[in-house]
Amino acid sequence: MLKVIFYTKENCSLCDDANGLLTMLQRDYSFELEERDIYSNDEWLEEYQLLIPYVKINQTTLDCEQINMNTLEQALKDNV
């Protein structure tokens, strides 16, 4: 099964929006969603602090500037 890794943090409205989009897309696409709180791992915090929400689907990555319904759906289609 396709795995989507979603880097996020608490109290982040952009993260909440991205999570909502991913949840909606799970109705049409089969994937496992793994949420990772960047504050639970120093390496994630350092790497993704300015990029969250950040989504990784295989080799495809989308940062906060790129995430929307179209880009997420295309990334899922490209990695199925």
C-alpha atoms as a PDB file:
ATOM      1  CA  MET A   1       0.000   0.000   0.000  1.00  0.00           C
ATOM      2  CA  LEU A   2       1.126   3.516  -0.788  1.00  0.00           C
ATOM      3  CA  LYS A   3       2.441   5.412   2.227  1.00  0.00           C
ATOM      4  CA  VAL A   4       2.057   9.162   2.635  1.00  0.00           C
ATOM      5  CA  ILE A   5       4.248  10.781   5.283  1.00  0.00           C
ATOM      6  CA  PHE A   6       2.826  14.028   6.619  1.00  0.00           C
ATOM      7  CA  TYR A   7       5.093  16.264   8.699  1.00  0.00           C
ATOM      8  CA  THR A   8       3.048  18.536  10.930  1.00  0.00           C
ATOM      9  CA  LYS A   9       2.838  20.251  14.317  1.00  0.00           C
ATOM     10  CA  GLU A  10       0.100  21.248  16.740  1.00  0.00           C
ATOM     11  CA  ASN A  11      -1.686  24.584  16.384  1.00  0.00           C
ATOM     12  CA  CYS A  12      -0.876  24.951  12.686  1.00  0.00           C
ATOM     13  CA  SER A  13      -3.818  26.041  10.540  1.00  0.00           C
ATOM     14  CA  LEU A  14      -1.988  25.207   7.302  1.00  0.00           C
ATOM     15  CA  CYS A  15      -1.347  21.715   8.672  1.00  0.00           C
ATOM     16  CA  ASP A  16      -5.017  21.341   9.572  1.00  0.00           C
ATOM     17  CA  ASP A  17      -5.996  22.343   6.032  1.00  0.00           C
ATOM     18  CA  ALA A  18      -3.521  19.906   4.476  1.00  0.00           C
ATOM     19  CA  ASN A  19      -4.730  17.129   6.771  1.00  0.00           C
ATOM     20  CA  GLY A  20      -8.302  17.815   5.638  1.00  0.00           C
ATOM     21  CA  LEU A  21      -7.272  17.529   1.996  1.00  0.00           C
ATOM     22  CA  LEU A  22      -5.440  14.258   2.641  1.00  0.00           C
ATOM     23  CA  THR A  23      -8.446  12.869   4.508  1.00  0.00           C
ATOM     24  CA  MET A  24     -10.727  13.755   1.582  1.00  0.00           C
ATOM     25  CA  LEU A  25      -8.320  12.152  -0.891  1.00  0.00           C
ATOM     26  CA  GLN A  26      -8.309   8.916   1.136  1.00  0.00           C
ATOM     27  CA  ARG A  27     -11.892   8.385  -0.046  1.00  0.00           C
ATOM     28  CA  ASP A  28     -10.676   8.047  -3.653  1.00  0.00           C
ATOM     29  CA  TYR A  29      -7.121   6.774  -3.236  1.00  0.00           C
ATOM     30  CA  SER A  30      -5.841   3.929  -1.126  1.00  0.00           C
ATOM     31  CA  PHE A  31      -2.918   5.075   1.010  1.00  0.00           C
ATOM     32  CA  GLU A  32      -1.645   4.868   4.542  1.00  0.00           C
ATOM     33  CA  LEU A  33      -1.255   8.272   6.189  1.00  0.00           C
ATOM     34  CA  GLU A  34       1.578   8.552   8.695  1.00  0.00           C
ATOM     35  CA  GLU A  35       1.552  11.817  10.628  1.00  0.00           C
ATOM     36  CA  ARG A  36       4.854  12.929  12.131  1.00  0.00           C
ATOM     37  CA  ASP A  37       4.969  15.756  14.655  1.00  0.00           C
ATOM     38  CA  ILE A  38       8.205  17.618  13.941  1.00  0.00           C
ATOM     39  CA  TYR A  39       8.589  18.440  17.640  1.00  0.00           C
ATOM     40  CA  SER A  40       8.908  14.745  18.485  1.00  0.00           C
ATOM     41  CA  ASN A  41      12.220  14.385  16.601  1.00  0.00           C
ATOM     42  CA  ASP A  42      15.080  16.913  16.498  1.00  0.00           C
ATOM     43  CA  GLU A  43      16.084  15.873  12.986  1.00  0.00           C
ATOM     44  CA  TRP A  44      12.555  16.462  11.650  1.00  0.00           C
ATOM     45  CA  LEU A  45      12.349  19.785  13.459  1.00  0.00           C
ATOM     46  CA  GLU A  46      15.592  20.982  11.917  1.00  0.00           C
ATOM     47  CA  GLU A  47      14.731  19.787   8.418  1.00  0.00           C
ATOM     48  CA  TYR A  48      11.026  20.682   8.152  1.00  0.00           C
ATOM     49  CA  GLN A  49      10.441  23.551  10.609  1.00  0.00           C
ATOM     50  CA  LEU A  50      10.042  26.189   7.887  1.00  0.00           C
ATOM     51  CA  LEU A  51       8.409  23.845   5.365  1.00  0.00           C
ATOM     52  CA  ILE A  52       5.430  22.385   7.233  1.00  0.00           C
ATOM     53  CA  PRO A  53       3.005  21.163   6.355  1.00  0.00           C
ATOM     54  CA  TYR A  54       5.264  18.867   4.348  1.00  0.00           C
ATOM     55  CA  VAL A  55       4.154  15.742   2.478  1.00  0.00           C
ATOM     56  CA  LYS A  56       6.346  12.951   1.186  1.00  0.00           C
ATOM     57  CA  ILE A  57       4.963  10.315  -1.201  1.00  0.00           C
ATOM     58  CA  ASN A  58       7.797   8.042  -2.306  1.00  0.00           C
ATOM     59  CA  GLN A  59      10.222  10.430  -4.044  1.00  0.00           C
ATOM     60  CA  THR A  60       7.609  13.184  -4.470  1.00  0.00           C
ATOM     61  CA  THR A  61       7.671  15.964  -1.878  1.00  0.00           C
ATOM     62  CA  LEU A  62       5.392  18.954  -1.385  1.00  0.00           C
ATOM     63  CA  ASP A  63       6.024  21.780   1.067  1.00  0.00           C
ATOM     64  CA  CYS A  64       3.688  24.406   2.512  1.00  0.00           C
ATOM     65  CA  GLU A  65       3.961  26.558  -0.615  1.00  0.00           C
ATOM     66  CA  GLN A  66       3.021  23.681  -2.925  1.00  0.00           C
ATOM     67  CA  ILE A  67       0.274  21.806  -1.096  1.00  0.00           C
ATOM     68  CA  ASN A  68      -3.235  22.093  -2.505  1.00  0.00           C
ATOM     69  CA  MET A  69      -5.883  19.637  -3.707  1.00  0.00           C
ATOM     70  CA  ASN A  70      -4.497  19.488  -7.260  1.00  0.00           C
ATOM     71  CA  THR A  71      -0.856  18.942  -6.317  1.00  0.00           C
ATOM     72  CA  LEU A  72      -1.710  16.304  -3.702  1.00  0.00           C
ATOM     73  CA  GLU A  73      -3.992  14.426  -6.074  1.00  0.00           C
ATOM     74  CA  GLN A  74      -1.405  14.534  -8.860  1.00  0.00           C
ATOM     75  CA  ALA A  75       1.298  13.280  -6.503  1.00  0.00           C
ATOM     76  CA  LEU A  76      -0.927  10.363  -5.498  1.00  0.00           C
ATOM     77  CA  LYS A  77      -1.691   9.514  -9.147  1.00  0.00           C
ATOM     78  CA  ASP A  78       2.005   9.690 -10.038  1.00  0.00           C
ATOM     79  CA  ASN A  79       2.936   7.278  -7.248  1.00  0.00           C
ATOM     80  CA  VAL A  80       0.199   4.645  -7.488  1.00  0.00           C
END
